[in-house]
N, C-alpha and C. Protein backbone atom coordinates (compact mmCIF):
# COMPACT_ATOMS: atom_id res chain seq x y z
N MET A 1 -4.39 3.69 -27.24
CA MET A 1 -3.38 3.42 -28.24
C MET A 1 -2.24 2.64 -27.60
N GLN A 2 -1.78 1.64 -28.29
CA GLN A 2 -0.68 0.84 -27.79
C GLN A 2 0.64 1.44 -28.26
N ARG A 3 1.59 1.57 -27.34
CA ARG A 3 2.90 2.13 -27.65
C ARG A 3 3.97 1.06 -27.54
N GLU A 4 4.99 1.19 -28.38
CA GLU A 4 6.07 0.20 -28.47
C GLU A 4 7.35 0.77 -27.85
N TYR A 5 8.03 -0.06 -27.03
CA TYR A 5 9.23 0.38 -26.33
C TYR A 5 10.32 -0.68 -26.39
N TYR A 6 11.56 -0.20 -26.22
CA TYR A 6 12.71 -1.06 -25.95
C TYR A 6 13.37 -0.56 -24.68
N ALA A 7 13.70 -1.46 -23.79
CA ALA A 7 14.46 -1.12 -22.59
C ALA A 7 15.81 -1.81 -22.68
N THR A 8 16.88 -1.08 -22.36
CA THR A 8 18.22 -1.66 -22.33
C THR A 8 18.71 -1.64 -20.89
N PHE A 9 19.72 -2.47 -20.61
CA PHE A 9 20.12 -2.74 -19.23
C PHE A 9 21.62 -2.79 -19.06
N HIS A 10 22.04 -2.70 -17.79
CA HIS A 10 23.45 -2.77 -17.46
C HIS A 10 23.96 -4.22 -17.45
N SER A 11 23.06 -5.18 -17.21
CA SER A 11 23.46 -6.58 -17.19
C SER A 11 22.33 -7.46 -17.72
N HIS A 12 22.69 -8.67 -18.12
CA HIS A 12 21.71 -9.63 -18.62
C HIS A 12 20.72 -10.00 -17.52
N PHE A 13 21.20 -10.15 -16.29
CA PHE A 13 20.33 -10.45 -15.15
C PHE A 13 19.25 -9.39 -15.00
N ASP A 14 19.63 -8.10 -15.14
CA ASP A 14 18.66 -7.01 -15.03
C ASP A 14 17.58 -7.12 -16.10
N ALA A 15 17.99 -7.48 -17.32
CA ALA A 15 17.02 -7.63 -18.42
C ALA A 15 16.04 -8.75 -18.12
N ILE A 16 16.54 -9.86 -17.60
CA ILE A 16 15.66 -11.00 -17.27
C ILE A 16 14.68 -10.61 -16.17
N ARG A 17 15.14 -9.92 -15.14
CA ARG A 17 14.24 -9.52 -14.05
C ARG A 17 13.16 -8.57 -14.56
N PHE A 18 13.53 -7.57 -15.37
CA PHE A 18 12.57 -6.62 -15.92
C PHE A 18 11.54 -7.35 -16.79
N HIS A 19 12.01 -8.29 -17.62
CA HIS A 19 11.12 -9.08 -18.47
C HIS A 19 10.11 -9.85 -17.62
N ARG A 20 10.58 -10.49 -16.57
CA ARG A 20 9.68 -11.24 -15.68
C ARG A 20 8.63 -10.33 -15.05
N GLU A 21 9.05 -9.15 -14.61
CA GLU A 21 8.11 -8.22 -13.99
C GLU A 21 7.04 -7.76 -14.98
N LYS A 22 7.43 -7.48 -16.22
CA LYS A 22 6.47 -7.06 -17.25
C LYS A 22 5.48 -8.18 -17.55
N THR A 23 5.99 -9.39 -17.79
CA THR A 23 5.09 -10.49 -18.14
C THR A 23 4.18 -10.86 -16.97
N LYS A 24 4.69 -10.77 -15.75
CA LYS A 24 3.87 -11.05 -14.56
C LYS A 24 2.73 -10.04 -14.45
N ALA A 25 2.98 -8.80 -14.90
CA ALA A 25 1.96 -7.75 -14.87
C ALA A 25 1.01 -7.83 -16.07
N GLY A 26 1.22 -8.84 -16.93
CA GLY A 26 0.34 -9.01 -18.10
C GLY A 26 0.69 -8.12 -19.27
N ILE A 27 1.90 -7.57 -19.27
CA ILE A 27 2.34 -6.69 -20.37
C ILE A 27 3.14 -7.52 -21.35
N PRO A 28 2.75 -7.54 -22.64
CA PRO A 28 3.50 -8.31 -23.63
C PRO A 28 4.95 -7.83 -23.70
N ALA A 29 5.91 -8.75 -23.53
CA ALA A 29 7.33 -8.39 -23.54
C ALA A 29 8.15 -9.56 -24.04
N ASN A 30 9.24 -9.24 -24.75
CA ASN A 30 10.15 -10.26 -25.27
C ASN A 30 11.59 -9.86 -25.00
N LEU A 31 12.42 -10.83 -24.64
CA LEU A 31 13.86 -10.61 -24.56
C LEU A 31 14.42 -10.75 -25.97
N GLN A 32 15.31 -9.85 -26.35
CA GLN A 32 15.91 -9.93 -27.67
C GLN A 32 17.20 -9.12 -27.70
N PRO A 33 18.01 -9.29 -28.75
CA PRO A 33 19.23 -8.48 -28.86
C PRO A 33 18.87 -7.00 -28.99
N VAL A 34 19.74 -6.15 -28.47
CA VAL A 34 19.52 -4.70 -28.57
C VAL A 34 19.63 -4.29 -30.04
N PRO A 35 18.69 -3.49 -30.54
CA PRO A 35 18.82 -2.98 -31.91
C PRO A 35 20.17 -2.26 -32.09
N ARG A 36 20.76 -2.37 -33.26
CA ARG A 36 22.10 -1.84 -33.52
C ARG A 36 22.25 -0.36 -33.21
N THR A 37 21.22 0.42 -33.43
CA THR A 37 21.34 1.86 -33.23
C THR A 37 21.25 2.29 -31.78
N LEU A 38 20.93 1.36 -30.89
CA LEU A 38 20.89 1.65 -29.45
C LEU A 38 22.11 1.03 -28.80
N SER A 39 22.67 1.71 -27.83
CA SER A 39 23.80 1.12 -27.12
C SER A 39 23.30 0.39 -25.88
N SER A 40 24.07 -0.58 -25.46
CA SER A 40 23.69 -1.31 -24.25
C SER A 40 24.93 -1.96 -23.66
N SER A 41 24.98 -2.00 -22.36
CA SER A 41 26.11 -2.63 -21.68
C SER A 41 26.11 -4.14 -21.85
N CYS A 42 24.92 -4.75 -21.87
CA CYS A 42 24.87 -6.22 -21.88
C CYS A 42 24.45 -6.81 -23.22
N GLY A 43 23.86 -6.02 -24.12
CA GLY A 43 23.46 -6.53 -25.41
C GLY A 43 22.07 -7.15 -25.45
N THR A 44 21.37 -7.18 -24.31
CA THR A 44 20.02 -7.74 -24.25
C THR A 44 19.02 -6.63 -23.97
N ALA A 45 17.94 -6.64 -24.73
CA ALA A 45 16.88 -5.65 -24.55
C ALA A 45 15.57 -6.36 -24.25
N VAL A 46 14.63 -5.60 -23.68
CA VAL A 46 13.27 -6.07 -23.54
C VAL A 46 12.41 -5.20 -24.44
N HIS A 47 11.74 -5.85 -25.38
CA HIS A 47 10.84 -5.19 -26.32
C HIS A 47 9.44 -5.39 -25.75
N PHE A 48 8.75 -4.28 -25.46
CA PHE A 48 7.44 -4.42 -24.83
C PHE A 48 6.47 -3.36 -25.35
N PHE A 49 5.20 -3.59 -25.06
CA PHE A 49 4.12 -2.72 -25.50
C PHE A 49 3.27 -2.35 -24.29
N GLU A 50 2.85 -1.08 -24.22
CA GLU A 50 1.95 -0.64 -23.15
C GLU A 50 0.87 0.25 -23.75
N GLU A 51 -0.29 0.19 -23.12
CA GLU A 51 -1.40 1.04 -23.52
C GLU A 51 -1.25 2.43 -22.92
N ASP A 52 -1.82 3.45 -23.59
CA ASP A 52 -1.85 4.80 -23.03
C ASP A 52 -2.54 4.77 -21.68
N ARG A 53 -2.18 5.71 -20.83
CA ARG A 53 -2.83 5.82 -19.51
C ARG A 53 -4.16 6.53 -19.65
N GLU A 54 -5.15 5.90 -19.10
CA GLU A 54 -6.51 6.43 -19.04
C GLU A 54 -6.94 6.92 -20.42
N GLU A 55 -7.77 7.93 -20.43
CA GLU A 55 -8.29 8.48 -21.68
C GLU A 55 -7.49 9.69 -22.15
N SER A 56 -6.44 10.04 -21.40
CA SER A 56 -5.67 11.23 -21.73
C SER A 56 -4.83 11.04 -22.99
N GLY A 57 -4.56 9.79 -23.33
CA GLY A 57 -3.75 9.52 -24.51
C GLY A 57 -2.27 9.77 -24.29
N THR A 58 -1.85 9.90 -23.02
CA THR A 58 -0.43 10.13 -22.76
C THR A 58 0.30 8.81 -22.62
N SER A 59 1.56 8.85 -22.92
CA SER A 59 2.41 7.68 -22.82
C SER A 59 2.45 7.17 -21.38
N PRO A 60 2.50 5.85 -21.18
CA PRO A 60 2.62 5.32 -19.83
C PRO A 60 3.89 5.83 -19.15
N LEU A 61 4.90 6.17 -19.94
CA LEU A 61 6.17 6.61 -19.38
C LEU A 61 6.22 8.13 -19.22
N ALA A 62 5.11 8.83 -19.48
CA ALA A 62 5.08 10.27 -19.29
C ALA A 62 5.06 10.62 -17.82
N TYR A 63 4.72 9.66 -16.99
CA TYR A 63 4.68 9.86 -15.56
C TYR A 63 6.04 9.48 -14.98
N PRO A 64 6.36 9.93 -13.78
CA PRO A 64 7.67 9.59 -13.20
C PRO A 64 7.88 8.08 -13.18
N LEU A 65 9.03 7.67 -13.63
CA LEU A 65 9.39 6.26 -13.67
C LEU A 65 10.33 5.96 -12.53
N THR A 66 10.03 4.92 -11.79
CA THR A 66 10.93 4.52 -10.73
C THR A 66 11.67 3.28 -11.18
N ASP A 67 12.91 3.18 -10.77
CA ASP A 67 13.76 2.04 -11.10
C ASP A 67 14.34 1.52 -9.78
N PRO A 68 13.51 0.80 -9.00
CA PRO A 68 13.93 0.41 -7.65
C PRO A 68 15.17 -0.48 -7.62
N HIS A 69 15.43 -1.21 -8.69
CA HIS A 69 16.57 -2.11 -8.72
C HIS A 69 17.80 -1.47 -9.36
N GLY A 70 17.64 -0.27 -9.95
CA GLY A 70 18.75 0.38 -10.63
C GLY A 70 19.21 -0.40 -11.85
N GLU A 71 18.27 -1.06 -12.51
CA GLU A 71 18.63 -1.97 -13.59
C GLU A 71 18.52 -1.38 -14.99
N ILE A 72 17.72 -0.35 -15.15
CA ILE A 72 17.43 0.15 -16.49
C ILE A 72 18.51 1.13 -16.95
N GLU A 73 19.06 0.89 -18.13
CA GLU A 73 20.00 1.82 -18.74
C GLU A 73 19.24 2.93 -19.45
N GLN A 74 18.27 2.52 -20.28
CA GLN A 74 17.40 3.48 -20.95
C GLN A 74 16.15 2.79 -21.47
N ILE A 75 15.11 3.59 -21.69
CA ILE A 75 13.89 3.11 -22.35
C ILE A 75 13.63 4.07 -23.51
N VAL A 76 13.42 3.49 -24.68
CA VAL A 76 13.09 4.29 -25.85
C VAL A 76 11.74 3.86 -26.39
N GLU A 77 11.02 4.81 -26.97
CA GLU A 77 9.75 4.52 -27.62
C GLU A 77 9.98 4.55 -29.12
N VAL A 78 9.35 3.63 -29.83
CA VAL A 78 9.42 3.61 -31.28
C VAL A 78 8.31 4.53 -31.80
N VAL A 79 8.72 5.62 -32.45
CA VAL A 79 7.79 6.60 -33.00
C VAL A 79 8.16 6.83 -34.46
N GLU A 80 7.27 6.44 -35.35
CA GLU A 80 7.50 6.58 -36.79
C GLU A 80 8.85 6.01 -37.21
N ASN A 81 9.13 4.79 -36.75
CA ASN A 81 10.35 4.06 -37.08
C ASN A 81 11.62 4.72 -36.57
N LYS A 82 11.51 5.56 -35.56
CA LYS A 82 12.67 6.18 -34.92
C LYS A 82 12.58 5.93 -33.43
N TYR A 83 13.72 6.00 -32.74
CA TYR A 83 13.77 5.78 -31.31
C TYR A 83 13.79 7.13 -30.59
N VAL A 84 12.84 7.31 -29.67
CA VAL A 84 12.75 8.52 -28.86
C VAL A 84 13.02 8.13 -27.41
N VAL A 85 14.06 8.69 -26.81
CA VAL A 85 14.42 8.34 -25.43
C VAL A 85 13.34 8.87 -24.49
N ARG A 86 12.79 7.95 -23.69
CA ARG A 86 11.76 8.31 -22.71
C ARG A 86 12.29 8.25 -21.28
N TYR A 87 13.38 7.51 -21.09
CA TYR A 87 14.01 7.42 -19.78
C TYR A 87 15.48 7.10 -20.00
N LYS A 88 16.36 7.75 -19.25
CA LYS A 88 17.78 7.44 -19.30
C LYS A 88 18.32 7.51 -17.87
N ALA A 89 19.03 6.47 -17.46
CA ALA A 89 19.58 6.42 -16.11
C ALA A 89 20.61 7.52 -15.94
N GLU A 90 20.65 8.05 -14.72
CA GLU A 90 21.67 9.03 -14.41
C GLU A 90 23.01 8.33 -14.25
N ASP A 91 24.07 9.00 -14.65
CA ASP A 91 25.42 8.39 -14.54
C ASP A 91 25.89 8.28 -13.15
């Protein structure tokens, strides 16, 4: 099953780098304005889709997420037209 996500960032540069990494990995991703109901420091989001991991049917983000660049503000999954936070950076 394909899952839909939005990632928000602390800066526009961070959004561009994350977008490049996703597209380089063959994951469909687009840069776009952050949806109004989500907050963001820079106003740019990456809208992307990922397949479930293996046959377990679990979200790709159900596993520990690393943020080596410290760029991600939050990642939300779109579930039944609502946003569910799957990752949030520590303050």
